[in-house]
Amino acid sequence: MKQLPLVDGSPESLALFERNRLGDARGWFERMFCEDELAGVLAGRRIVQVNRTLTRELGAVRGMHSQLPPHAELKVVSCVRGEVFDVALDLRKGSPTFLQWHGEVLSAENRRALVIPEGFAHGFQTLGEDCEMLYFHTAAYEPSSEFRINPRDPRAGIEWPLGISVMSEKDSDCPMLEESFQGVAP
């Protein structure tokens, strides 16, 4: 994996990687995760859970999800089939990029992975049908620590590239952030 630069103004501590693909007449091979190659962003954390999703419909949105301390997690997110617009939203209290979002197109073709640290909410929108995502987490899912933001929240101001075709009831019923929300402690 090689680290790629992010655009100016994106929140610090987000990282973008591209997986190397080795191929021949039989097909190809690519490493999905290497602790040594990601040592700089893992900073001693361990991957403890791997999740996979399939989202069938074009324009579907999943997110915006985060886990609060003590179960906060770093995620390494990849699209292994199809193409998505992947978004990280900075929720860190006192961060210079608080409530700023960063989006990247992740696809099976571009082989990119977005590293989303603790204190960020994560979500994505499918840019095609039958999109599969693979997530590597540094903390196991803990329902009592879950923190959600409505993907349409005006304070977040996420500019989804397509009209939202479908969301889960849990995501669409999520309340908007109150003006008093000042962030979460990482």
Protein backbone atom coordinates (compact mmCIF):
# COMPACT_ATOMS: atom_id res chain seq x y z
CA MET A 1 0.00 0.00 0.00
CA LYS A 2 1.20 3.50 -0.70
CA GLN A 3 -0.06 6.62 0.99
CA LEU A 4 -1.60 9.27 -1.26
CA PRO A 5 -1.94 12.98 -0.48
CA LEU A 6 -5.29 14.39 0.55
CA VAL A 7 -6.60 17.68 -0.81
CA ASP A 8 -5.70 20.91 1.00
CA GLY A 9 -8.04 21.74 3.83
CA SER A 10 -8.95 18.15 4.65
CA PRO A 11 -8.88 17.28 8.36
CA GLU A 12 -5.48 16.23 9.64
CA SER A 13 -5.13 12.60 10.63
CA LEU A 14 -7.28 11.30 7.76
CA ALA A 15 -5.16 9.19 5.43
CA LEU A 16 -5.71 7.80 1.95
CA PHE A 17 -3.94 4.68 0.72
CA GLU A 18 -3.87 2.80 -2.57
CA ARG A 19 -3.45 -0.96 -2.63
CA ASN A 20 -0.81 -2.37 -4.97
CA ARG A 21 -2.04 -4.93 -7.46
CA LEU A 22 0.20 -7.62 -8.93
CA GLY A 23 -1.19 -9.34 -11.98
CA ASP A 24 -0.47 -11.76 -14.76
CA ALA A 25 -2.45 -13.86 -17.25
CA ARG A 26 -4.25 -15.67 -14.40
CA GLY A 27 -5.60 -12.50 -12.78
CA TRP A 28 -4.27 -10.43 -9.91
CA PHE A 29 -3.35 -10.31 -6.23
CA GLU A 30 -3.63 -7.41 -3.81
CA ARG A 31 -3.01 -7.11 -0.08
CA MET A 32 -6.07 -5.70 1.72
CA PHE A 33 -4.33 -5.00 5.01
CA CYS A 34 -0.74 -4.95 6.24
CA GLU A 35 -0.01 -3.87 9.80
CA ASP A 36 3.56 -2.92 8.87
CA GLU A 37 2.49 -0.70 5.96
CA LEU A 38 -0.14 1.05 8.09
CA ALA A 39 2.03 1.29 11.23
CA GLY A 40 2.22 5.09 10.98
CA VAL A 41 -1.55 5.57 11.12
CA LEU A 42 -2.29 2.64 13.42
CA ALA A 43 0.21 4.03 15.96
CA GLY A 44 0.14 0.90 18.10
CA ARG A 45 -3.58 0.18 17.67
CA ARG A 46 -4.65 -3.32 16.61
CA ILE A 47 -7.35 -4.32 14.16
CA VAL A 48 -9.91 -6.27 16.20
CA GLN A 49 -12.92 -6.53 13.88
CA VAL A 50 -13.50 -6.77 10.13
CA ASN A 51 -16.92 -6.05 8.62
CA ARG A 52 -18.30 -6.32 5.10
CA THR A 53 -21.40 -4.66 3.64
CA LEU A 54 -23.36 -5.02 0.43
CA THR A 55 -25.54 -2.10 -0.65
CA ARG A 56 -27.67 -2.91 -3.67
CA GLU A 57 -29.24 0.37 -4.77
CA LEU A 58 -27.64 3.31 -6.62
CA GLY A 59 -27.71 6.47 -4.48
CA ALA A 60 -28.18 4.65 -1.17
CA VAL A 61 -26.56 6.24 1.89
CA ARG A 62 -25.22 4.43 4.94
CA GLY A 63 -24.10 6.65 7.81
CA MET A 64 -23.05 8.89 9.46
CA HIS A 65 -21.80 6.63 12.28
CA SER A 66 -19.19 6.85 15.00
CA GLN A 67 -18.42 5.27 18.36
CA LEU A 68 -17.75 7.35 21.44
CA PRO A 69 -15.00 6.68 24.00
CA PRO A 70 -14.14 4.33 25.54
CA HIS A 71 -15.07 2.37 22.40
CA ALA A 72 -13.91 4.95 19.84
CA GLU A 73 -12.39 3.32 16.79
CA LEU A 74 -10.10 3.95 13.87
CA LYS A 75 -11.48 2.47 10.61
CA VAL A 76 -9.71 1.49 7.40
CA VAL A 77 -12.44 1.48 4.74
CA SER A 78 -12.24 0.01 1.21
CA CYS A 79 -14.71 -0.59 -1.60
CA VAL A 80 -14.13 -4.05 -3.04
CA ARG A 81 -16.97 -4.07 -5.61
CA GLY A 82 -18.53 -1.09 -7.32
CA GLU A 83 -17.92 2.56 -6.44
CA VAL A 84 -18.88 4.76 -3.48
CA PHE A 85 -18.49 8.34 -2.32
CA ASP A 86 -16.97 7.80 1.13
CA VAL A 87 -17.23 10.58 3.74
CA ALA A 88 -15.49 11.33 7.04
CA LEU A 89 -16.89 14.11 9.24
CA ASP A 90 -14.70 15.63 11.96
CA LEU A 91 -16.53 15.57 15.32
CA ARG A 92 -13.49 16.23 17.51
CA LYS A 93 -14.08 18.88 20.13
CA GLY A 94 -11.64 21.76 19.64
CA SER A 95 -10.42 20.52 16.26
CA PRO A 96 -9.59 23.25 13.71
CA THR A 97 -11.61 21.23 11.19
CA PHE A 98 -14.59 20.55 13.50
CA LEU A 99 -17.72 19.67 11.47
CA GLN A 100 -15.80 19.75 8.20
CA TRP A 101 -16.21 16.72 6.00
CA HIS A 102 -13.94 15.08 3.47
CA GLY A 103 -15.16 12.81 0.67
CA GLU A 104 -13.25 10.36 -1.52
CA VAL A 105 -14.38 8.10 -4.33
CA LEU A 106 -13.43 4.57 -3.35
CA SER A 107 -13.84 1.79 -5.88
CA ALA A 108 -12.73 -1.69 -6.77
CA GLU A 109 -10.89 -0.11 -9.69
CA ASN A 110 -8.96 2.65 -7.89
CA ARG A 111 -8.06 0.30 -4.97
CA ARG A 112 -8.09 3.15 -2.45
CA ALA A 113 -8.67 2.88 1.29
CA LEU A 114 -9.58 5.75 3.59
CA VAL A 115 -8.24 5.68 7.15
CA ILE A 116 -10.74 7.36 9.47
CA PRO A 117 -9.47 7.99 13.01
CA GLU A 118 -11.32 8.20 16.29
CA GLY A 119 -13.52 11.26 16.61
CA PHE A 120 -14.87 11.13 13.05
CA ALA A 121 -18.26 9.99 11.79
CA HIS A 122 -18.25 7.85 8.67
CA GLY A 123 -20.74 7.18 5.89
CA PHE A 124 -20.95 6.59 2.16
CA GLN A 125 -23.20 6.85 -0.85
CA THR A 126 -23.26 4.22 -3.58
CA LEU A 127 -22.37 5.46 -7.06
CA GLY A 128 -23.56 2.24 -8.67
CA GLU A 129 -25.48 -0.89 -7.83
CA ASP A 130 -24.27 -3.81 -5.70
CA CYS A 131 -21.43 -2.05 -3.88
CA GLU A 132 -19.42 -4.02 -1.35
CA MET A 133 -17.38 -2.39 1.39
CA LEU A 134 -14.77 -3.85 3.70
CA TYR A 135 -14.03 -2.22 7.07
CA PHE A 136 -11.13 -2.90 9.44
CA HIS A 137 -11.82 -1.60 12.99
CA THR A 138 -9.61 -1.03 16.02
CA ALA A 139 -12.55 -1.52 18.42
CA ALA A 140 -15.43 -3.95 18.44
CA TYR A 141 -18.92 -2.54 17.87
CA GLU A 142 -20.53 -1.44 21.13
CA PRO A 143 -24.18 -0.33 20.75
CA SER A 144 -24.09 1.80 23.92
CA SER A 145 -21.24 3.89 22.43
CA GLU A 146 -22.83 4.45 19.03
CA PHE A 147 -23.17 8.07 17.88
CA ARG A 148 -25.12 8.89 14.71
CA ILE A 149 -25.58 12.05 12.70
CA ASN A 150 -28.33 12.42 10.15
CA PRO A 151 -26.73 12.30 6.67
CA ARG A 152 -28.88 15.31 5.71
CA ASP A 153 -27.84 17.39 8.74
CA PRO A 154 -27.44 21.03 7.62
CA ARG A 155 -24.68 21.70 10.18
CA ALA A 156 -22.60 18.95 8.60
CA GLY A 157 -23.49 20.19 5.11
CA ILE A 158 -22.37 17.02 3.32
CA GLU A 159 -22.76 17.39 -0.44
CA TRP A 160 -23.80 13.93 -1.58
CA PRO A 161 -23.11 13.56 -5.32
CA LEU A 162 -26.53 11.98 -6.04
CA GLY A 163 -30.00 12.39 -4.66
CA ILE A 164 -30.38 10.01 -1.72
CA SER A 165 -32.43 7.05 -2.99
CA VAL A 166 -32.68 5.09 0.26
CA MET A 167 -31.41 5.10 3.86
CA SER A 168 -32.12 2.88 6.81
CA GLU A 169 -34.95 3.99 9.07
CA LYS A 170 -32.40 4.37 11.88
CA ASP A 171 -30.29 6.78 9.79
CA SER A 172 -33.19 8.79 8.37
CA ASP A 173 -34.85 9.14 11.81
CA CYS A 174 -31.61 10.31 13.42
CA PRO A 175 -32.06 13.82 14.82
CA MET A 176 -30.12 16.79 13.51
CA LEU A 177 -27.24 18.17 15.55
CA GLU A 178 -28.26 20.79 18.06
CA GLU A 179 -26.59 24.20 17.85
CA SER A 180 -25.12 23.51 21.27
CA PHE A 181 -23.18 20.46 20.01
CA GLN A 182 -19.48 21.28 20.50
CA GLY A 183 -17.98 17.93 19.56
CA VAL A 184 -16.80 14.74 21.15
CA ALA A 185 -13.62 14.06 23.07
CA PRO A 186 -11.44 11.60 21.14
